[in-house]
């Protein structure tokens, strides 16, 4: 099942931005554990990138640092 942040291609955003292609995560890349990146284009043809976050995944993820402190 795809996360909501992975289903934004083609979405028209406020301010005239359109979500383009998803930027794939390549093996060996770090970061982005709770986010998905996209290319976006503005109404004026400006190109940029968008980072979409699934807060539910982040907030429900185990916290290794907190767990290690509690168990010591």
PDB file of N, CA and C in Angstrom:
ATOM      1  N   UNK A   1       0.841  -1.186   0.000  1.00  0.00           N
ATOM      2  CA  UNK A   1       0.000   0.000   0.000  1.00  0.00           C
ATOM      3  C   UNK A   1       0.883   1.245   0.000  1.00  0.00           C
ATOM      4  N   UNK A   2       0.525   2.227  -0.796  1.00  0.00           N
ATOM      5  CA  UNK A   2       1.287   3.460  -0.865  1.00  0.00           C
ATOM      6  C   UNK A   2       0.859   4.418   0.240  1.00  0.00           C
ATOM      7  N   UNK A   3       1.842   5.136   0.765  1.00  0.00           N
ATOM      8  CA  UNK A   3       1.558   6.160   1.760  1.00  0.00           C
ATOM      9  C   UNK A   3       0.931   7.364   1.066  1.00  0.00           C
ATOM     10  N   UNK A   4       0.133   8.179   1.778  1.00  0.00           N
ATOM     11  CA  UNK A   4      -0.483   9.356   1.155  1.00  0.00           C
ATOM     12  C   UNK A   4       0.535  10.281   0.481  1.00  0.00           C
ATOM     13  N   UNK A   5       1.700  10.459   1.081  1.00  0.00           N
ATOM     14  CA  UNK A   5       2.704  11.358   0.507  1.00  0.00           C
ATOM     15  C   UNK A   5       3.281  10.816  -0.798  1.00  0.00           C
ATOM     16  N   UNK A   6       3.010   9.563  -1.121  1.00  0.00           N
ATOM     17  CA  UNK A   6       3.507   8.969  -2.361  1.00  0.00           C
ATOM     18  C   UNK A   6       2.470   9.026  -3.485  1.00  0.00           C
ATOM     19  N   UNK A   7       1.375   9.752  -3.260  1.00  0.00           N
ATOM     20  CA  UNK A   7       0.281   9.776  -4.220  1.00  0.00           C
ATOM     21  C   UNK A   7      -0.078  11.201  -4.636  1.00  0.00           C
ATOM     22  N   UNK A   8       0.909  12.067  -4.765  1.00  0.00           N
ATOM     23  CA  UNK A   8       0.637  13.479  -5.038  1.00  0.00           C
ATOM     24  C   UNK A   8       0.866  13.895  -6.485  1.00  0.00           C
ATOM     25  N   UNK A   9       1.447  13.043  -7.308  1.00  0.00           N
ATOM     26  CA  UNK A   9       1.734  13.404  -8.699  1.00  0.00           C
ATOM     27  C   UNK A   9       0.465  13.893  -9.394  1.00  0.00           C
ATOM     28  N   UNK A  10       0.574  15.063 -10.041  1.00  0.00           N
ATOM     29  CA  UNK A  10      -0.549  15.644 -10.770  1.00  0.00           C
ATOM     30  C   UNK A  10      -1.409  16.576  -9.947  1.00  0.00           C
ATOM     31  N   UNK A  11      -1.204  16.617  -8.641  1.00  0.00           N
ATOM     32  CA  UNK A  11      -2.006  17.467  -7.765  1.00  0.00           C
ATOM     33  C   UNK A  11      -1.697  18.938  -8.020  1.00  0.00           C
ATOM     34  N   UNK A  12      -2.730  19.769  -8.089  1.00  0.00           N
ATOM     35  CA  UNK A  12      -2.582  21.225  -8.222  1.00  0.00           C
ATOM     36  C   UNK A  12      -2.634  21.825  -6.821  1.00  0.00           C
ATOM     37  N   UNK A  13      -1.587  22.560  -6.452  1.00  0.00           N
ATOM     38  CA  UNK A  13      -1.481  23.148  -5.121  1.00  0.00           C
ATOM     39  C   UNK A  13      -1.844  24.627  -5.150  1.00  0.00           C
ATOM     40  N   UNK A  14      -2.161  25.167  -3.984  1.00  0.00           N
ATOM     41  CA  UNK A  14      -2.400  26.604  -3.866  1.00  0.00           C
ATOM     42  C   UNK A  14      -1.176  27.356  -4.364  1.00  0.00           C
ATOM     43  N   UNK A  15      -1.384  28.502  -4.954  1.00  0.00           N
ATOM     44  CA  UNK A  15      -0.272  29.302  -5.434  1.00  0.00           C
ATOM     45  C   UNK A  15       0.165  28.938  -6.850  1.00  0.00           C
ATOM     46  N   UNK A  16      -0.564  28.027  -7.503  1.00  0.00           N
ATOM     47  CA  UNK A  16      -0.274  27.709  -8.884  1.00  0.00           C
ATOM     48  C   UNK A  16       0.744  26.612  -9.111  1.00  0.00           C
ATOM     49  N   UNK A  17       1.166  25.919  -8.066  1.00  0.00           N
ATOM     50  CA  UNK A  17       2.148  24.843  -8.212  1.00  0.00           C
ATOM     51  C   UNK A  17       1.458  23.553  -8.616  1.00  0.00           C
ATOM     52  N   UNK A  18       2.140  22.780  -9.463  1.00  0.00           N
ATOM     53  CA  UNK A  18       1.665  21.456  -9.870  1.00  0.00           C
ATOM     54  C   UNK A  18       2.733  20.436  -9.500  1.00  0.00           C
ATOM     55  N   UNK A  19       2.304  19.389  -8.818  1.00  0.00           N
ATOM     56  CA  UNK A  19       3.236  18.338  -8.405  1.00  0.00           C
ATOM     57  C   UNK A  19       3.533  17.456  -9.609  1.00  0.00           C
ATOM     58  N   UNK A  20       4.824  17.297  -9.881  1.00  0.00           N
ATOM     59  CA  UNK A  20       5.266  16.475 -11.005  1.00  0.00           C
ATOM     60  C   UNK A  20       5.684  15.094 -10.545  1.00  0.00           C
ATOM     61  N   UNK A  21       6.742  14.602 -11.153  1.00  0.00           N
ATOM     62  CA  UNK A  21       7.208  13.248 -10.886  1.00  0.00           C
ATOM     63  C   UNK A  21       7.829  13.108  -9.500  1.00  0.00           C
ATOM     64  N   UNK A  22       7.615  11.950  -8.928  1.00  0.00           N
ATOM     65  CA  UNK A  22       8.245  11.569  -7.671  1.00  0.00           C
ATOM     66  C   UNK A  22       9.741  11.419  -7.908  1.00  0.00           C
ATOM     67  N   UNK A  23      10.554  11.891  -6.981  1.00  0.00           N
ATOM     68  CA  UNK A  23      12.005  11.720  -7.064  1.00  0.00           C
ATOM     69  C   UNK A  23      12.331  10.429  -6.325  1.00  0.00           C
ATOM     70  N   UNK A  24      12.810   9.415  -7.044  1.00  0.00           N
ATOM     71  CA  UNK A  24      13.024   8.109  -6.398  1.00  0.00           C
ATOM     72  C   UNK A  24      14.157   8.143  -5.383  1.00  0.00           C
ATOM     73  N   UNK A  25      13.998   7.318  -4.367  1.00  0.00           N
ATOM     74  CA  UNK A  25      15.085   7.117  -3.399  1.00  0.00           C
ATOM     75  C   UNK A  25      16.016   6.064  -3.966  1.00  0.00           C
ATOM     76  N   UNK A  26      17.260   6.404  -4.059  1.00  0.00           N
ATOM     77  CA  UNK A  26      18.240   5.475  -4.600  1.00  0.00           C
ATOM     78  C   UNK A  26      18.986   4.781  -3.472  1.00  0.00           C
ATOM     79  N   UNK A  27      19.437   3.552  -3.684  1.00  0.00           N
ATOM     80  CA  UNK A  27      20.201   2.854  -2.651  1.00  0.00           C
ATOM     81  C   UNK A  27      21.407   3.693  -2.224  1.00  0.00           C
ATOM     82  N   UNK A  28      21.635   3.754  -0.941  1.00  0.00           N
ATOM     83  CA  UNK A  28      22.766   4.495  -0.417  1.00  0.00           C
ATOM     84  C   UNK A  28      22.464   5.939  -0.073  1.00  0.00           C
ATOM     85  N   UNK A  29      21.307   6.447  -0.482  1.00  0.00           N
ATOM     86  CA  UNK A  29      20.943   7.818  -0.114  1.00  0.00           C
ATOM     87  C   UNK A  29      20.483   7.842   1.336  1.00  0.00           C
ATOM     88  N   UNK A  30      20.852   8.881   2.040  1.00  0.00           N
ATOM     89  CA  UNK A  30      20.462   8.988   3.441  1.00  0.00           C
ATOM     90  C   UNK A  30      19.311   9.978   3.583  1.00  0.00           C
ATOM     91  N   UNK A  31      18.699   9.958   4.740  1.00  0.00           N
ATOM     92  CA  UNK A  31      17.619  10.894   5.027  1.00  0.00           C
ATOM     93  C   UNK A  31      16.319  10.512   4.344  1.00  0.00           C
ATOM     94  N   UNK A  32      15.309  11.327   4.586  1.00  0.00           N
ATOM     95  CA  UNK A  32      14.021  11.107   3.946  1.00  0.00           C
ATOM     96  C   UNK A  32      13.258   9.911   4.455  1.00  0.00           C
ATOM     97  N   UNK A  33      13.500   9.512   5.693  1.00  0.00           N
ATOM     98  CA  UNK A  33      12.816   8.331   6.218  1.00  0.00           C
ATOM     99  C   UNK A  33      11.310   8.518   6.296  1.00  0.00           C
ATOM    100  N   UNK A  34      10.865   9.738   6.528  1.00  0.00           N
ATOM    101  CA  UNK A  34       9.434   9.994   6.665  1.00  0.00           C
ATOM    102  C   UNK A  34       8.934  10.960   5.612  1.00  0.00           C
ATOM    103  N   UNK A  35       9.704  11.158   4.559  1.00  0.00           N
ATOM    104  CA  UNK A  35       9.288  12.117   3.539  1.00  0.00           C
ATOM    105  C   UNK A  35       9.459  11.552   2.145  1.00  0.00           C
ATOM    106  N   UNK A  36       8.765  12.186   1.222  1.00  0.00           N
ATOM    107  CA  UNK A  36       8.821  11.833  -0.179  1.00  0.00           C
ATOM    108  C   UNK A  36       9.073  13.114  -0.957  1.00  0.00           C
ATOM    109  N   UNK A  37       9.957  13.067  -1.935  1.00  0.00           N
ATOM    110  CA  UNK A  37      10.312  14.264  -2.695  1.00  0.00           C
ATOM    111  C   UNK A  37       9.725  14.210  -4.106  1.00  0.00           C
ATOM    112  N   UNK A  38       9.367  15.391  -4.609  1.00  0.00           N
ATOM    113  CA  UNK A  38       8.785  15.542  -5.939  1.00  0.00           C
ATOM    114  C   UNK A  38       9.402  16.726  -6.654  1.00  0.00           C
ATOM    115  N   UNK A  39       9.375  16.663  -7.972  1.00  0.00           N
ATOM    116  CA  UNK A  39       9.609  17.853  -8.775  1.00  0.00           C
ATOM    117  C   UNK A  39       8.278  18.586  -8.847  1.00  0.00           C
ATOM    118  N   UNK A  40       8.305  19.913  -8.780  1.00  0.00           N
ATOM    119  CA  UNK A  40       7.089  20.716  -8.929  1.00  0.00           C
ATOM    120  C   UNK A  40       7.358  21.843  -9.913  1.00  0.00           C
ATOM    121  N   UNK A  41       6.300  22.338 -10.516  1.00  0.00           N
ATOM    122  CA  UNK A  41       6.444  23.470 -11.421  1.00  0.00           C
ATOM    123  C   UNK A  41       5.391  24.510 -11.089  1.00  0.00           C
ATOM    124  N   UNK A  42       5.811  25.776 -11.157  1.00  0.00           N
ATOM    125  CA  UNK A  42       4.918  26.880 -10.869  1.00  0.00           C
ATOM    126  C   UNK A  42       4.180  27.331 -12.115  1.00  0.00           C
ATOM    127  N   UNK A  43       3.153  28.144 -11.913  1.00  0.00           N
ATOM    128  CA  UNK A  43       2.382  28.662 -13.037  1.00  0.00           C
ATOM    129  C   UNK A  43       3.263  29.470 -13.975  1.00  0.00           C
ATOM    130  N   UNK A  44       4.340  30.056 -13.446  1.00  0.00           N
ATOM    131  CA  UNK A  44       5.262  30.857 -14.267  1.00  0.00           C
ATOM    132  C   UNK A  44       6.391  30.010 -14.845  1.00  0.00           C
ATOM    133  N   UNK A  45       6.238  28.680 -14.803  1.00  0.00           N
ATOM    134  CA  UNK A  45       7.216  27.714 -15.323  1.00  0.00           C
ATOM    135  C   UNK A  45       8.466  27.593 -14.451  1.00  0.00           C
ATOM    136  N   UNK A  46       8.426  28.118 -13.234  1.00  0.00           N
ATOM    137  CA  UNK A  46       9.521  27.930 -12.283  1.00  0.00           C
ATOM    138  C   UNK A  46       9.554  26.465 -11.864  1.00  0.00           C
ATOM    139  N   UNK A  47      10.734  25.886 -11.825  1.00  0.00           N
ATOM    140  CA  UNK A  47      10.885  24.502 -11.370  1.00  0.00           C
ATOM    141  C   UNK A  47      11.463  24.498  -9.962  1.00  0.00           C
ATOM    142  N   UNK A  48      10.981  23.575  -9.158  1.00  0.00           N
ATOM    143  CA  UNK A  48      11.441  23.481  -7.771  1.00  0.00           C
ATOM    144  C   UNK A  48      11.250  22.038  -7.313  1.00  0.00           C
ATOM    145  N   UNK A  49      11.448  21.836  -6.005  1.00  0.00           N
ATOM    146  CA  UNK A  49      11.188  20.509  -5.471  1.00  0.00           C
ATOM    147  C   UNK A  49      10.368  20.646  -4.203  1.00  0.00           C
ATOM    148  N   UNK A  50       9.593  19.612  -3.932  1.00  0.00           N
ATOM    149  CA  UNK A  50       8.667  19.580  -2.807  1.00  0.00           C
ATOM    150  C   UNK A  50       9.003  18.370  -1.952  1.00  0.00           C
ATOM    151  N   UNK A  51       8.990  18.565  -0.655  1.00  0.00           N
ATOM    152  CA  UNK A  51       9.170  17.451   0.275  1.00  0.00           C
ATOM    153  C   UNK A  51       7.851  17.282   1.017  1.00  0.00           C
ATOM    154  N   UNK A  52       7.232  16.122   0.853  1.00  0.00           N
ATOM    155  CA  UNK A  52       5.966  15.815   1.512  1.00  0.00           C
ATOM    156  C   UNK A  52       6.235  14.850   2.656  1.00  0.00           C
ATOM    157  N   UNK A  53       5.634  15.129   3.804  1.00  0.00           N
ATOM    158  CA  UNK A  53       5.858  14.276   4.980  1.00  0.00           C
ATOM    159  C   UNK A  53       4.581  13.573   5.393  1.00  0.00           C
ATOM    160  N   UNK A  54       4.741  12.322   5.790  1.00  0.00           N
ATOM    161  CA  UNK A  54       3.667  11.560   6.411  1.00  0.00           C
ATOM    162  C   UNK A  54       3.900  11.621   7.914  1.00  0.00           C
ATOM    163  N   UNK A  55       3.246  12.553   8.575  1.00  0.00           N
ATOM    164  CA  UNK A  55       3.457  12.719  10.015  1.00  0.00           C
ATOM    165  C   UNK A  55       3.020  11.501  10.808  1.00  0.00           C
ATOM    166  N   UNK A  56       2.015  10.792  10.334  1.00  0.00           N
ATOM    167  CA  UNK A  56       1.562   9.610  11.063  1.00  0.00           C
ATOM    168  C   UNK A  56       2.692   8.599  11.193  1.00  0.00           C
ATOM    169  N   UNK A  57       3.428   8.360  10.106  1.00  0.00           N
ATOM    170  CA  UNK A  57       4.560   7.425  10.166  1.00  0.00           C
ATOM    171  C   UNK A  57       5.612   7.916  11.154  1.00  0.00           C
ATOM    172  N   UNK A  58       5.934   9.195  11.085  1.00  0.00           N
ATOM    173  CA  UNK A  58       6.973   9.745  11.957  1.00  0.00           C
ATOM    174  C   UNK A  58       6.555   9.693  13.425  1.00  0.00           C
ATOM    175  N   UNK A  59       5.324  10.050  13.711  1.00  0.00           N
ATOM    176  CA  UNK A  59       4.870  10.100  15.100  1.00  0.00           C
ATOM    177  C   UNK A  59       4.645   8.721  15.709  1.00  0.00           C
ATOM    178  N   UNK A  60       4.423   7.721  14.875  1.00  0.00           N
ATOM    179  CA  UNK A  60       4.192   6.369  15.374  1.00  0.00           C
ATOM    180  C   UNK A  60       5.430   5.482  15.308  1.00  0.00           C
ATOM    181  N   UNK A  61       6.530   6.043  14.875  1.00  0.00           N
ATOM    182  CA  UNK A  61       7.769   5.286  14.754  1.00  0.00           C
ATOM    183  C   UNK A  61       8.433   5.143  16.124  1.00  0.00           C
ATOM    184  N   UNK A  62       9.077   4.005  16.379  1.00  0.00           N
ATOM    185  CA  UNK A  62       9.804   3.867  17.645  1.00  0.00           C
ATOM    186  C   UNK A  62      10.906   4.928  17.748  1.00  0.00           C
ATOM    187  N   UNK A  63      11.164   5.368  18.945  1.00  0.00           N
ATOM    188  CA  UNK A  63      12.206   6.364  19.196  1.00  0.00           C
ATOM    189  C   UNK A  63      13.377   5.658  19.874  1.00  0.00           C
ATOM    190  N   UNK A  64      14.390   5.236  19.098  1.00  0.00           N
ATOM    191  CA  UNK A  64      15.502   4.464  19.679  1.00  0.00           C
ATOM    192  C   UNK A  64      16.225   5.212  20.792  1.00  0.00           C
ATOM    193  N   UNK A  65      16.392   6.504  20.669  1.00  0.00           N
ATOM    194  CA  UNK A  65      17.094   7.265  21.710  1.00  0.00           C
ATOM    195  C   UNK A  65      16.302   7.245  23.010  1.00  0.00           C
ATOM    196  N   UNK A  66      15.010   7.466  22.931  1.00  0.00           N
ATOM    197  CA  UNK A  66      14.181   7.466  24.143  1.00  0.00           C
ATOM    198  C   UNK A  66      14.134   6.071  24.744  1.00  0.00           C
ATOM    199  N   UNK A  67      14.004   5.065  23.917  1.00  0.00           N
ATOM    200  CA  UNK A  67      13.948   3.675  24.398  1.00  0.00           C
ATOM    201  C   UNK A  67      15.222   3.315  25.140  1.00  0.00           C
ATOM    202  N   UNK A  68      16.380   3.727  24.601  1.00  0.00           N
ATOM    203  CA  UNK A  68      17.643   3.384  25.260  1.00  0.00           C
ATOM    204  C   UNK A  68      17.789   4.121  26.594  1.00  0.00           C
ATOM    205  N   UNK A  69      17.256   5.329  26.703  1.00  0.00           N
ATOM    206  CA  UNK A  69      17.325   6.068  27.959  1.00  0.00           C
ATOM    207  C   UNK A  69      16.427   5.451  29.027  1.00  0.00           C
ATOM    208  N   UNK A  70      15.263   4.991  28.614  1.00  0.00           N
ATOM    209  CA  UNK A  70      14.320   4.393  29.546  1.00  0.00           C
ATOM    210  C   UNK A  70      14.846   3.057  30.061  1.00  0.00           C
ATOM    211  N   UNK A  71      15.526   2.316  29.217  1.00  0.00           N
ATOM    212  CA  UNK A  71      16.001   0.987  29.578  1.00  0.00           C
ATOM    213  C   UNK A  71      17.370   0.982  30.266  1.00  0.00           C
ATOM    214  N   UNK A  72      17.910   2.154  30.606  1.00  0.00           N
ATOM    215  CA  UNK A  72      19.220   2.166  31.269  1.00  0.00           C
ATOM    216  C   UNK A  72      19.082   2.455  32.737  1.00  0.00           C
TER     217      UNK A  72
END
